[in-house]
């Protein structure tokens, strides 16, 4: 089970940090997705649990950073230099297999989503 938190309202250029806490077990791969109104769910980035290797979507590369805390079994999404187009509901997801994938259907478990709104 995943529990996402940390969303809110921020001005353009600001920062937010989202958290995704896992309970019950760890997974091999964790990812963040987002979904804006009227749009499909979009891959944001992922991190491997053991090695901490990361991949990001081009739209957030160099602005967003994914990290994890092994002791807390928590994954973070640090979002910097936020833009109005980053406004969306953000979801964390996890999968048992470590193979990198950007496809939402490949993930086994999802958090409930947290709203991020960036004002211009």
C-alpha atoms as a PDB file:
ATOM      1  CA  UNK A   1       0.000   0.000   0.000  1.00  0.00           C
ATOM      2  CA  UNK A   2       1.255   3.472  -0.896  1.00  0.00           C
ATOM      3  CA  UNK A   3       0.331   6.764   0.745  1.00  0.00           C
ATOM      4  CA  UNK A   4       1.111   9.970  -1.139  1.00  0.00           C
ATOM      5  CA  UNK A   5       1.204  13.383   0.499  1.00  0.00           C
ATOM      6  CA  UNK A   6       2.669  16.855   0.179  1.00  0.00           C
ATOM      7  CA  UNK A   7       0.629  18.471  -2.561  1.00  0.00           C
ATOM      8  CA  UNK A   8      -0.659  22.009  -2.410  1.00  0.00           C
ATOM      9  CA  UNK A   9      -0.821  25.404  -4.047  1.00  0.00           C
ATOM     10  CA  UNK A  10       2.406  27.148  -5.025  1.00  0.00           C
ATOM     11  CA  UNK A  11       3.368  30.076  -7.212  1.00  0.00           C
ATOM     12  CA  UNK A  12       5.275  29.568 -10.415  1.00  0.00           C
ATOM     13  CA  UNK A  13       8.968  29.250  -9.703  1.00  0.00           C
ATOM     14  CA  UNK A  14       8.351  27.742  -6.297  1.00  0.00           C
ATOM     15  CA  UNK A  15       9.047  24.293  -4.916  1.00  0.00           C
ATOM     16  CA  UNK A  16       7.152  21.425  -3.343  1.00  0.00           C
ATOM     17  CA  UNK A  17       8.170  18.025  -2.053  1.00  0.00           C
ATOM     18  CA  UNK A  18       5.859  15.058  -2.362  1.00  0.00           C
ATOM     19  CA  UNK A  19       6.214  11.934  -0.269  1.00  0.00           C
ATOM     20  CA  UNK A  20       5.141   8.377  -0.967  1.00  0.00           C
ATOM     21  CA  UNK A  21       5.224   6.090   2.047  1.00  0.00           C
ATOM     22  CA  UNK A  22       5.022   2.359   1.538  1.00  0.00           C
ATOM     23  CA  UNK A  23       3.656  -0.020   4.129  1.00  0.00           C
ATOM     24  CA  UNK A  24       3.848  -3.760   4.348  1.00  0.00           C
ATOM     25  CA  UNK A  25       6.706  -4.358   1.955  1.00  0.00           C
ATOM     26  CA  UNK A  26       9.215  -2.754  -0.379  1.00  0.00           C
ATOM     27  CA  UNK A  27       9.075  -2.878  -4.159  1.00  0.00           C
ATOM     28  CA  UNK A  28      11.864  -2.912  -6.705  1.00  0.00           C
ATOM     29  CA  UNK A  29      10.775   0.157  -8.643  1.00  0.00           C
ATOM     30  CA  UNK A  30       8.882   3.289  -7.660  1.00  0.00           C
ATOM     31  CA  UNK A  31       7.538   5.905 -10.020  1.00  0.00           C
ATOM     32  CA  UNK A  32       5.680   9.163 -10.062  1.00  0.00           C
ATOM     33  CA  UNK A  33       2.958   9.939 -12.560  1.00  0.00           C
ATOM     34  CA  UNK A  34       0.701  12.919 -12.973  1.00  0.00           C
ATOM     35  CA  UNK A  35      -2.633  13.562 -14.567  1.00  0.00           C
ATOM     36  CA  UNK A  36      -4.015  16.941 -15.539  1.00  0.00           C
ATOM     37  CA  UNK A  37      -7.722  17.463 -16.220  1.00  0.00           C
ATOM     38  CA  UNK A  38      -8.691  16.058 -19.586  1.00  0.00           C
ATOM     39  CA  UNK A  39      -5.295  14.476 -20.158  1.00  0.00           C
ATOM     40  CA  UNK A  40      -3.877  10.997 -19.894  1.00  0.00           C
ATOM     41  CA  UNK A  41      -1.756   9.931 -16.986  1.00  0.00           C
ATOM     42  CA  UNK A  42       1.812  11.005 -17.682  1.00  0.00           C
ATOM     43  CA  UNK A  43       5.089   9.492 -16.528  1.00  0.00           C
ATOM     44  CA  UNK A  44       7.176  11.879 -14.412  1.00  0.00           C
ATOM     45  CA  UNK A  45      10.079   9.761 -13.219  1.00  0.00           C
ATOM     46  CA  UNK A  46      11.171   6.599 -11.466  1.00  0.00           C
ATOM     47  CA  UNK A  47      13.732   5.289  -9.022  1.00  0.00           C
ATOM     48  CA  UNK A  48      15.051   1.829  -8.286  1.00  0.00           C
ATOM     49  CA  UNK A  49      14.851   0.900  -4.643  1.00  0.00           C
ATOM     50  CA  UNK A  50      18.214  -0.840  -4.314  1.00  0.00           C
ATOM     51  CA  UNK A  51      20.504   1.277  -6.475  1.00  0.00           C
ATOM     52  CA  UNK A  52      18.662   4.580  -6.435  1.00  0.00           C
ATOM     53  CA  UNK A  53      18.921   4.869 -10.201  1.00  0.00           C
ATOM     54  CA  UNK A  54      16.573   7.458 -11.664  1.00  0.00           C
ATOM     55  CA  UNK A  55      14.952   8.323 -14.969  1.00  0.00           C
ATOM     56  CA  UNK A  56      12.922  11.454 -15.665  1.00  0.00           C
ATOM     57  CA  UNK A  57      10.534  12.665 -18.305  1.00  0.00           C
ATOM     58  CA  UNK A  58      12.041  15.356 -20.492  1.00  0.00           C
ATOM     59  CA  UNK A  59       9.425  17.835 -19.278  1.00  0.00           C
ATOM     60  CA  UNK A  60      10.699  17.676 -15.686  1.00  0.00           C
ATOM     61  CA  UNK A  61      14.352  16.743 -16.141  1.00  0.00           C
ATOM     62  CA  UNK A  62      16.702  19.047 -14.227  1.00  0.00           C
ATOM     63  CA  UNK A  63      13.768  20.478 -12.241  1.00  0.00           C
ATOM     64  CA  UNK A  64      12.446  17.436 -10.396  1.00  0.00           C
ATOM     65  CA  UNK A  65      14.453  15.045  -8.250  1.00  0.00           C
ATOM     66  CA  UNK A  66      13.352  11.627  -7.007  1.00  0.00           C
ATOM     67  CA  UNK A  67      14.993  10.142  -3.933  1.00  0.00           C
ATOM     68  CA  UNK A  68      14.253   7.490  -1.375  1.00  0.00           C
ATOM     69  CA  UNK A  69      14.754   6.854   2.315  1.00  0.00           C
ATOM     70  CA  UNK A  70      15.377   3.163   2.894  1.00  0.00           C
ATOM     71  CA  UNK A  71      14.767   3.311   6.627  1.00  0.00           C
ATOM     72  CA  UNK A  72      11.409   5.042   6.231  1.00  0.00           C
ATOM     73  CA  UNK A  73      10.454   3.106   3.076  1.00  0.00           C
ATOM     74  CA  UNK A  74       9.519   6.421   1.540  1.00  0.00           C
ATOM     75  CA  UNK A  75      10.078   7.889  -1.893  1.00  0.00           C
ATOM     76  CA  UNK A  76      10.211  11.620  -2.476  1.00  0.00           C
ATOM     77  CA  UNK A  77       9.575  13.876  -5.433  1.00  0.00           C
ATOM     78  CA  UNK A  78      11.296  17.221  -5.022  1.00  0.00           C
ATOM     79  CA  UNK A  79       9.798  19.646  -7.509  1.00  0.00           C
ATOM     80  CA  UNK A  80      11.667  22.866  -8.212  1.00  0.00           C
ATOM     81  CA  UNK A  81      11.082  25.778 -10.564  1.00  0.00           C
ATOM     82  CA  UNK A  82       7.459  24.782 -10.853  1.00  0.00           C
ATOM     83  CA  UNK A  83       5.433  25.918 -13.846  1.00  0.00           C
ATOM     84  CA  UNK A  84       1.666  26.260 -14.306  1.00  0.00           C
ATOM     85  CA  UNK A  85       1.808  23.307 -16.700  1.00  0.00           C
ATOM     86  CA  UNK A  86       2.979  21.141 -13.800  1.00  0.00           C
ATOM     87  CA  UNK A  87      -0.501  21.466 -12.305  1.00  0.00           C
ATOM     88  CA  UNK A  88      -1.955  17.969 -11.955  1.00  0.00           C
ATOM     89  CA  UNK A  89      -2.821  15.215  -9.547  1.00  0.00           C
ATOM     90  CA  UNK A  90       0.400  13.387  -8.758  1.00  0.00           C
ATOM     91  CA  UNK A  91       0.435   9.660  -8.119  1.00  0.00           C
ATOM     92  CA  UNK A  92       3.125   7.374  -6.840  1.00  0.00           C
ATOM     93  CA  UNK A  93       3.253   3.791  -8.032  1.00  0.00           C
ATOM     94  CA  UNK A  94       5.387   0.744  -7.465  1.00  0.00           C
ATOM     95  CA  UNK A  95       6.169  -2.534  -9.134  1.00  0.00           C
ATOM     96  CA  UNK A  96       7.837  -5.747  -8.074  1.00  0.00           C
ATOM     97  CA  UNK A  97       9.954  -6.109 -11.214  1.00  0.00           C
ATOM     98  CA  UNK A  98      12.981  -3.867 -11.551  1.00  0.00           C
ATOM     99  CA  UNK A  99      12.804  -3.427 -15.315  1.00  0.00           C
ATOM    100  CA  UNK A 100      12.331   0.228 -16.167  1.00  0.00           C
ATOM    101  CA  UNK A 101       8.967   1.111 -17.603  1.00  0.00           C
ATOM    102  CA  UNK A 102       7.034   4.330 -18.169  1.00  0.00           C
ATOM    103  CA  UNK A 103       3.726   2.577 -18.781  1.00  0.00           C
ATOM    104  CA  UNK A 104       1.169   3.011 -15.975  1.00  0.00           C
ATOM    105  CA  UNK A 105      -0.311  -0.432 -16.619  1.00  0.00           C
ATOM    106  CA  UNK A 106       3.002  -2.056 -15.675  1.00  0.00           C
ATOM    107  CA  UNK A 107       2.775  -0.910 -12.054  1.00  0.00           C
ATOM    108  CA  UNK A 108       1.311  -3.157  -9.382  1.00  0.00           C
ATOM    109  CA  UNK A 109       0.197  -0.717  -6.726  1.00  0.00           C
ATOM    110  CA  UNK A 110      -0.803   2.945  -6.629  1.00  0.00           C
ATOM    111  CA  UNK A 111      -1.119   5.688  -4.069  1.00  0.00           C
ATOM    112  CA  UNK A 112      -4.258   7.793  -3.856  1.00  0.00           C
ATOM    113  CA  UNK A 113      -2.924  10.913  -5.597  1.00  0.00           C
ATOM    114  CA  UNK A 114      -2.171  14.379  -4.315  1.00  0.00           C
ATOM    115  CA  UNK A 115      -3.125  17.646  -5.995  1.00  0.00           C
ATOM    116  CA  UNK A 116      -0.422  20.088  -7.072  1.00  0.00           C
ATOM    117  CA  UNK A 117      -1.555  23.481  -8.322  1.00  0.00           C
ATOM    118  CA  UNK A 118       0.909  26.020  -9.678  1.00  0.00           C
ATOM    119  CA  UNK A 119      -0.382  29.545 -10.105  1.00  0.00           C
ATOM    120  CA  UNK A 120       1.068  31.948 -12.638  1.00  0.00           C
END
